[in-house]
PDB file of N, CA and C in Angstrom:
ATOM      1  N   MET A   1     -12.651 -38.299  29.953  1.00  0.00           N
ATOM      2  CA  MET A   1     -12.269 -38.554  31.320  1.00  0.00           C
ATOM      3  C   MET A   1     -13.488 -38.763  32.210  1.00  0.00           C
ATOM      4  N   GLY A   2     -14.646 -38.283  31.766  1.00  0.00           N
ATOM      5  CA  GLY A   2     -15.862 -38.486  32.555  1.00  0.00           C
ATOM      6  C   GLY A   2     -16.159 -39.956  32.774  1.00  0.00           C
ATOM      7  N   HIS A   3     -15.844 -40.770  31.769  1.00  0.00           N
ATOM      8  CA  HIS A   3     -16.077 -42.208  31.902  1.00  0.00           C
ATOM      9  C   HIS A   3     -15.164 -42.793  32.981  1.00  0.00           C
ATOM     10  N   MET A   4     -13.930 -42.364  33.012  1.00  0.00           N
ATOM     11  CA  MET A   4     -12.975 -42.893  33.981  1.00  0.00           C
ATOM     12  C   MET A   4     -13.275 -42.433  35.412  1.00  0.00           C
ATOM     13  N   LYS A   5     -13.781 -41.214  35.539  1.00  0.00           N
ATOM     14  CA  LYS A   5     -14.002 -40.652  36.870  1.00  0.00           C
ATOM     15  C   LYS A   5     -15.332 -41.074  37.479  1.00  0.00           C
ATOM     16  N   PHE A   6     -16.402 -41.027  36.669  1.00  0.00           N
ATOM     17  CA  PHE A   6     -17.716 -41.278  37.248  1.00  0.00           C
ATOM     18  C   PHE A   6     -18.682 -41.924  36.265  1.00  0.00           C
ATOM     19  N   ASP A   7     -18.139 -42.662  35.288  1.00  0.00           N
ATOM     20  CA  ASP A   7     -18.955 -43.371  34.298  1.00  0.00           C
ATOM     21  C   ASP A   7     -20.044 -42.485  33.700  1.00  0.00           C
ATOM     22  N   ASN A   8     -19.695 -41.215  33.489  1.00  0.00           N
ATOM     23  CA  ASN A   8     -20.613 -40.256  32.867  1.00  0.00           C
ATOM     24  C   ASN A   8     -21.989 -40.261  33.526  1.00  0.00           C
ATOM     25  N   ASN A   9     -22.004 -40.394  34.848  1.00  0.00           N
ATOM     26  CA  ASN A   9     -23.238 -40.402  35.642  1.00  0.00           C
ATOM     27  C   ASN A   9     -24.186 -41.532  35.278  1.00  0.00           C
ATOM     28  N   ASP A  10     -23.644 -42.605  34.732  1.00  0.00           N
ATOM     29  CA  ASP A  10     -24.449 -43.784  34.386  1.00  0.00           C
ATOM     30  C   ASP A  10     -24.107 -44.886  35.396  1.00  0.00           C
ATOM     31  N   THR A  11     -24.402 -46.124  35.073  1.00  0.00           N
ATOM     32  CA  THR A  11     -24.086 -47.248  35.949  1.00  0.00           C
ATOM     33  C   THR A  11     -22.606 -47.211  36.302  1.00  0.00           C
ATOM     34  N   GLN A  12     -22.293 -47.338  37.564  1.00  0.00           N
ATOM     35  CA  GLN A  12     -20.931 -47.174  38.066  1.00  0.00           C
ATOM     36  C   GLN A  12     -20.104 -48.458  37.964  1.00  0.00           C
ATOM     37  N   PHE A  13     -19.828 -48.874  36.729  1.00  0.00           N
ATOM     38  CA  PHE A  13     -19.078 -50.102  36.507  1.00  0.00           C
ATOM     39  C   PHE A  13     -17.637 -49.994  37.001  1.00  0.00           C
ATOM     40  N   ILE A  14     -17.008 -48.870  36.781  1.00  0.00           N
ATOM     41  CA  ILE A  14     -15.609 -48.728  37.184  1.00  0.00           C
ATOM     42  C   ILE A  14     -15.489 -48.758  38.700  1.00  0.00           C
ATOM     43  N   LYS A  15     -16.371 -48.073  39.401  1.00  0.00           N
ATOM     44  CA  LYS A  15     -16.359 -48.098  40.864  1.00  0.00           C
ATOM     45  C   LYS A  15     -16.533 -49.532  41.360  1.00  0.00           C
ATOM     46  N   ALA A  16     -17.458 -50.267  40.748  1.00  0.00           N
ATOM     47  CA  ALA A  16     -17.676 -51.669  41.123  1.00  0.00           C
ATOM     48  C   ALA A  16     -16.441 -52.511  40.835  1.00  0.00           C
ATOM     49  N   ALA A  17     -15.777 -52.239  39.728  1.00  0.00           N
ATOM     50  CA  ALA A  17     -14.590 -53.020  39.360  1.00  0.00           C
ATOM     51  C   ALA A  17     -13.497 -52.892  40.421  1.00  0.00           C
ATOM     52  N   PHE A  18     -13.330 -51.706  40.970  1.00  0.00           N
ATOM     53  CA  PHE A  18     -12.287 -51.520  41.967  1.00  0.00           C
ATOM     54  C   PHE A  18     -12.657 -52.092  43.327  1.00  0.00           C
ATOM     55  N   LYS A  19     -13.922 -52.362  43.580  1.00  0.00           N
ATOM     56  CA  LYS A  19     -14.305 -53.069  44.797  1.00  0.00           C
ATOM     57  C   LYS A  19     -13.927 -54.541  44.678  1.00  0.00           C
ATOM     58  N   GLY A  20     -13.939 -55.054  43.439  1.00  0.00           N
ATOM     59  CA  GLY A  20     -13.553 -56.431  43.201  1.00  0.00           C
ATOM     60  C   GLY A  20     -14.633 -57.446  43.490  1.00  0.00           C
ATOM     61  N   ASN A  21     -15.877 -57.007  43.625  1.00  0.00           N
ATOM     62  CA  ASN A  21     -16.958 -57.950  43.953  1.00  0.00           C
ATOM     63  C   ASN A  21     -17.943 -58.155  42.801  1.00  0.00           C
ATOM     64  N   LYS A  22     -17.573 -57.682  41.606  1.00  0.00           N
ATOM     65  CA  LYS A  22     -18.405 -57.831  40.405  1.00  0.00           C
ATOM     66  C   LYS A  22     -19.792 -57.233  40.601  1.00  0.00           C
ATOM     67  N   ALA A  23     -19.879 -56.217  41.445  1.00  0.00           N
ATOM     68  CA  ALA A  23     -21.126 -55.510  41.746  1.00  0.00           C
ATOM     69  C   ALA A  23     -22.162 -56.420  42.397  1.00  0.00           C
ATOM     70  N   ILE A  24     -21.704 -57.492  43.022  1.00  0.00           N
ATOM     71  CA  ILE A  24     -22.594 -58.391  43.759  1.00  0.00           C
ATOM     72  C   ILE A  24     -22.407 -58.077  45.241  1.00  0.00           C
ATOM     73  N   LYS A  25     -23.439 -57.585  45.866  1.00  0.00           N
ATOM     74  CA  LYS A  25     -23.324 -57.107  47.249  1.00  0.00           C
ATOM     75  C   LYS A  25     -22.823 -58.176  48.210  1.00  0.00           C
ATOM     76  N   THR A  26     -23.154 -59.428  47.971  1.00  0.00           N
ATOM     77  CA  THR A  26     -22.765 -60.488  48.899  1.00  0.00           C
ATOM     78  C   THR A  26     -21.462 -61.179  48.503  1.00  0.00           C
ATOM     79  N   ALA A  27     -20.835 -60.739  47.435  1.00  0.00           N
ATOM     80  CA  ALA A  27     -19.597 -61.378  46.975  1.00  0.00           C
ATOM     81  C   ALA A  27     -18.448 -61.071  47.936  1.00  0.00           C
ATOM     82  N   ILE A  28     -17.545 -62.016  48.056  1.00  0.00           N
ATOM     83  CA  ILE A  28     -16.365 -61.857  48.898  1.00  0.00           C
ATOM     84  C   ILE A  28     -15.166 -61.610  47.988  1.00  0.00           C
ATOM     85  N   VAL A  29     -14.391 -60.602  48.314  1.00  0.00           N
ATOM     86  CA  VAL A  29     -13.197 -60.274  47.544  1.00  0.00           C
ATOM     87  C   VAL A  29     -12.039 -61.060  48.140  1.00  0.00           C
ATOM     88  N   GLU A  30     -11.488 -61.972  47.352  1.00  0.00           N
ATOM     89  CA  GLU A  30     -10.380 -62.790  47.862  1.00  0.00           C
ATOM     90  C   GLU A  30      -9.057 -62.049  47.839  1.00  0.00           C
ATOM     91  N   LYS A  31      -8.796 -61.329  46.752  1.00  0.00           N
ATOM     92  CA  LYS A  31      -7.533 -60.600  46.641  1.00  0.00           C
ATOM     93  C   LYS A  31      -7.825 -59.262  45.962  1.00  0.00           C
ATOM     94  N   PRO A  32      -7.931 -58.193  46.742  1.00  0.00           N
ATOM     95  CA  PRO A  32      -8.229 -56.895  46.136  1.00  0.00           C
ATOM     96  C   PRO A  32      -7.110 -56.443  45.216  1.00  0.00           C
ATOM     97  N   THR A  33      -7.479 -55.682  44.208  1.00  0.00           N
ATOM     98  CA  THR A  33      -6.495 -55.160  43.274  1.00  0.00           C
ATOM     99  C   THR A  33      -5.575 -54.159  43.971  1.00  0.00           C
ATOM    100  N   PRO A  34      -4.292 -54.134  43.611  1.00  0.00           N
ATOM    101  CA  PRO A  34      -3.396 -53.132  44.183  1.00  0.00           C
ATOM    102  C   PRO A  34      -3.626 -51.748  43.561  1.00  0.00           C
ATOM    103  N   TRP A  35      -4.392 -51.687  42.489  1.00  0.00           N
ATOM    104  CA  TRP A  35      -4.698 -50.425  41.822  1.00  0.00           C
ATOM    105  C   TRP A  35      -5.819 -49.717  42.550  1.00  0.00           C
ATOM    106  N   THR A  36      -5.896 -48.417  42.321  1.00  0.00           N
ATOM    107  CA  THR A  36      -7.014 -47.629  42.826  1.00  0.00           C
ATOM    108  C   THR A  36      -7.635 -46.880  41.649  1.00  0.00           C
ATOM    109  N   GLN A  37      -8.868 -46.465  41.830  1.00  0.00           N
ATOM    110  CA  GLN A  37      -9.510 -45.688  40.782  1.00  0.00           C
ATOM    111  C   GLN A  37      -8.773 -44.359  40.603  1.00  0.00           C
ATOM    112  N   ASP A  38      -8.305 -43.768  41.682  1.00  0.00           N
ATOM    113  CA  ASP A  38      -7.550 -42.516  41.574  1.00  0.00           C
ATOM    114  C   ASP A  38      -6.301 -42.690  40.722  1.00  0.00           C
ATOM    115  N   LYS A  39      -5.593 -43.822  40.899  1.00  0.00           N
ATOM    116  CA  LYS A  39      -4.389 -44.084  40.100  1.00  0.00           C
ATOM    117  C   LYS A  39      -4.763 -44.270  38.629  1.00  0.00           C
ATOM    118  N   MET A  40      -5.860 -44.970  38.360  1.00  0.00           N
ATOM    119  CA  MET A  40      -6.305 -45.156  36.986  1.00  0.00           C
ATOM    120  C   MET A  40      -6.644 -43.811  36.341  1.00  0.00           C
ATOM    121  N   VAL A  41      -7.333 -42.947  37.088  1.00  0.00           N
ATOM    122  CA  VAL A  41      -7.688 -41.621  36.568  1.00  0.00           C
ATOM    123  C   VAL A  41      -6.425 -40.817  36.289  1.00  0.00           C
ATOM    124  N   GLU A  42      -5.459 -40.884  37.200  1.00  0.00           N
ATOM    125  CA  GLU A  42      -4.199 -40.167  37.014  1.00  0.00           C
ATOM    126  C   GLU A  42      -3.495 -40.612  35.722  1.00  0.00           C
ATOM    127  N   LEU A  43      -3.386 -41.914  35.526  1.00  0.00           N
ATOM    128  CA  LEU A  43      -2.714 -42.429  34.324  1.00  0.00           C
ATOM    129  C   LEU A  43      -3.530 -42.155  33.065  1.00  0.00           C
ATOM    130  N   SER A  44      -4.845 -42.213  33.175  1.00  0.00           N
ATOM    131  CA  SER A  44      -5.706 -41.901  32.028  1.00  0.00           C
ATOM    132  C   SER A  44      -5.538 -40.443  31.620  1.00  0.00           C
ATOM    133  N   GLN A  45      -5.483 -39.554  32.605  1.00  0.00           N
ATOM    134  CA  GLN A  45      -5.291 -38.133  32.302  1.00  0.00           C
ATOM    135  C   GLN A  45      -3.928 -37.894  31.665  1.00  0.00           C
ATOM    136  N   ALA A  46      -2.904 -38.600  32.141  1.00  0.00           N
ATOM    137  CA  ALA A  46      -1.573 -38.479  31.541  1.00  0.00           C
ATOM    138  C   ALA A  46      -1.602 -38.907  30.081  1.00  0.00           C
ATOM    139  N   TRP A  47      -2.366 -39.958  29.773  1.00  0.00           N
ATOM    140  CA  TRP A  47      -2.488 -40.414  28.378  1.00  0.00           C
ATOM    141  C   TRP A  47      -3.204 -39.358  27.543  1.00  0.00           C
ATOM    142  N   VAL A  48      -4.299 -38.805  28.059  1.00  0.00           N
ATOM    143  CA  VAL A  48      -5.023 -37.748  27.329  1.00  0.00           C
ATOM    144  C   VAL A  48      -4.092 -36.566  27.076  1.00  0.00           C
ATOM    145  N   ASP A  49      -3.342 -36.174  28.091  1.00  0.00           N
ATOM    146  CA  ASP A  49      -2.401 -35.063  27.935  1.00  0.00           C
ATOM    147  C   ASP A  49      -1.346 -35.381  26.879  1.00  0.00           C
ATOM    148  N   ALA A  50      -0.842 -36.623  26.873  1.00  0.00           N
ATOM    149  CA  ALA A  50       0.163 -37.033  25.890  1.00  0.00           C
ATOM    150  C   ALA A  50      -0.400 -37.010  24.466  1.00  0.00           C
ATOM    151  N   MET A  51      -1.708 -37.162  24.335  1.00  0.00           N
ATOM    152  CA  MET A  51      -2.364 -37.121  23.028  1.00  0.00           C
ATOM    153  C   MET A  51      -2.761 -35.696  22.634  1.00  0.00           C
ATOM    154  N   GLY A  52      -2.245 -34.732  23.367  1.00  0.00           N
ATOM    155  CA  GLY A  52      -2.541 -33.340  23.050  1.00  0.00           C
ATOM    156  C   GLY A  52      -3.891 -32.883  23.584  1.00  0.00           C
ATOM    157  N   GLY A  53      -4.453 -33.642  24.500  1.00  0.00           N
ATOM    158  CA  GLY A  53      -5.700 -33.249  25.129  1.00  0.00           C
ATOM    159  C   GLY A  53      -6.929 -33.430  24.275  1.00  0.00           C
ATOM    160  N   ARG A  54      -6.811 -34.210  23.211  1.00  0.00           N
ATOM    161  CA  ARG A  54      -7.979 -34.424  22.352  1.00  0.00           C
ATOM    162  C   ARG A  54      -8.047 -35.875  21.921  1.00  0.00           C
ATOM    163  N   PHE A  55      -9.241 -36.280  21.491  1.00  0.00           N
ATOM    164  CA  PHE A  55      -9.468 -37.642  21.037  1.00  0.00           C
ATOM    165  C   PHE A  55      -8.969 -37.792  19.609  1.00  0.00           C
ATOM    166  N   HIS A  56      -8.245 -38.840  19.334  1.00  0.00           N
ATOM    167  CA  HIS A  56      -7.771 -39.146  17.987  1.00  0.00           C
ATOM    168  C   HIS A  56      -8.552 -40.350  17.483  1.00  0.00           C
ATOM    169  N   GLY A  57      -9.431 -40.142  16.564  1.00  0.00           N
ATOM    170  CA  GLY A  57     -10.237 -41.227  16.024  1.00  0.00           C
ATOM    171  C   GLY A  57     -11.553 -40.683  15.521  1.00  0.00           C
ATOM    172  N   ASP A  58     -12.436 -41.589  15.162  1.00  0.00           N
ATOM    173  CA  ASP A  58     -13.739 -41.146  14.673  1.00  0.00           C
ATOM    174  C   ASP A  58     -14.797 -41.340  15.757  1.00  0.00           C
ATOM    175  N   GLU A  59     -16.025 -40.934  15.456  1.00  0.00           N
ATOM    176  CA  GLU A  59     -17.088 -40.978  16.446  1.00  0.00           C
ATOM    177  C   GLU A  59     -17.421 -42.386  16.911  1.00  0.00           C
ATOM    178  N   SER A  60     -17.171 -43.393  16.080  1.00  0.00           N
ATOM    179  CA  SER A  60     -17.521 -44.761  16.471  1.00  0.00           C
ATOM    180  C   SER A  60     -16.620 -45.264  17.598  1.00  0.00           C
ATOM    181  N   CYS A  61     -15.424 -44.715  17.707  1.00  0.00           N
ATOM    182  CA  CYS A  61     -14.510 -45.050  18.801  1.00  0.00           C
ATOM    183  C   CYS A  61     -14.234 -46.557  18.874  1.00  0.00           C
ATOM    184  N   GLY A  62     -14.367 -47.245  17.752  1.00  0.00           N
ATOM    185  CA  GLY A  62     -14.134 -48.680  17.746  1.00  0.00           C
ATOM    186  C   GLY A  62     -15.294 -49.491  18.276  1.00  0.00           C
ATOM    187  N   CYS A  63     -16.445 -48.866  18.419  1.00  0.00           N
ATOM    188  CA  CYS A  63     -17.600 -49.537  19.025  1.00  0.00           C
ATOM    189  C   CYS A  63     -18.581 -50.055  17.977  1.00  0.00           C
ATOM    190  N   GLU A  64     -18.078 -50.551  16.881  1.00  0.00           N
ATOM    191  CA  GLU A  64     -18.950 -51.121  15.864  1.00  0.00           C
ATOM    192  C   GLU A  64     -19.317 -52.543  16.253  1.00  0.00           C
ATOM    193  N   GLN A  65     -20.522 -52.944  15.909  1.00  0.00           N
ATOM    194  CA  GLN A  65     -20.948 -54.307  16.194  1.00  0.00           C
ATOM    195  C   GLN A  65     -20.084 -55.291  15.418  1.00  0.00           C
ATOM    196  N   GLN A  66     -19.648 -56.310  16.113  1.00  0.00           N
ATOM    197  CA  GLN A  66     -18.848 -57.365  15.499  1.00  0.00           C
ATOM    198  C   GLN A  66     -19.704 -58.625  15.407  1.00  0.00           C
ATOM    199  N   ASN A  67     -19.465 -59.415  14.401  1.00  0.00           N
ATOM    200  CA  ASN A  67     -20.192 -60.668  14.237  1.00  0.00           C
ATOM    201  C   ASN A  67     -19.195 -61.811  14.313  1.00  0.00           C
ATOM    202  N   TYR A  68     -19.326 -62.584  15.363  1.00  0.00           N
ATOM    203  CA  TYR A  68     -18.451 -63.729  15.562  1.00  0.00           C
ATOM    204  C   TYR A  68     -19.285 -64.995  15.670  1.00  0.00           C
ATOM    205  N   ALA A  69     -18.695 -66.081  15.278  1.00  0.00           N
ATOM    206  CA  ALA A  69     -19.329 -67.379  15.461  1.00  0.00           C
ATOM    207  C   ALA A  69     -18.371 -68.234  16.293  1.00  0.00           C
ATOM    208  N   LEU A  70     -18.924 -68.965  17.203  1.00  0.00           N
ATOM    209  CA  LEU A  70     -18.115 -69.807  18.076  1.00  0.00           C
ATOM    210  C   LEU A  70     -18.656 -71.224  17.992  1.00  0.00           C
ATOM    211  N   HIS A  71     -17.783 -72.151  17.731  1.00  0.00           N
ATOM    212  CA  HIS A  71     -18.182 -73.550  17.654  1.00  0.00           C
ATOM    213  C   HIS A  71     -17.431 -74.300  18.747  1.00  0.00           C
ATOM    214  N   LEU A  72     -18.186 -74.942  19.644  1.00  0.00           N
ATOM    215  CA  LEU A  72     -17.591 -75.731  20.705  1.00  0.00           C
ATOM    216  C   LEU A  72     -17.894 -77.197  20.452  1.00  0.00           C
ATOM    217  N   ASP A  73     -16.899 -78.012  20.563  1.00  0.00           N
ATOM    218  CA  ASP A  73     -17.060 -79.443  20.350  1.00  0.00           C
ATOM    219  C   ASP A  73     -16.654 -80.154  21.633  1.00  0.00           C
ATOM    220  N   TYR A  74     -17.611 -80.674  22.344  1.00  0.00           N
ATOM    221  CA  TYR A  74     -17.337 -81.398  23.575  1.00  0.00           C
ATOM    222  C   TYR A  74     -17.250 -82.888  23.260  1.00  0.00           C
ATOM    223  N   THR A  75     -16.047 -83.396  23.154  1.00  0.00           N
ATOM    224  CA  THR A  75     -15.880 -84.831  22.893  1.00  0.00           C
ATOM    225  C   THR A  75     -15.029 -85.458  23.966  1.00  0.00           C
TER     226      THR A  75
END
């Protein structure tokens, strides 16, 4: 839940996401999200509680490096 609440005291990506300006100070938000960070935290906590209050998975948490190739053909 630390990630959802305060990005574990690291770069505040979630806070920036809810501003809707992509963390660009001069960006203009055309249509703010109807969601709030508080609502996201509330729903995230409900999910954690539904999972018995513990993480189900391994330490990698699905964060393994993936190798993809992309081919674009502009014709």
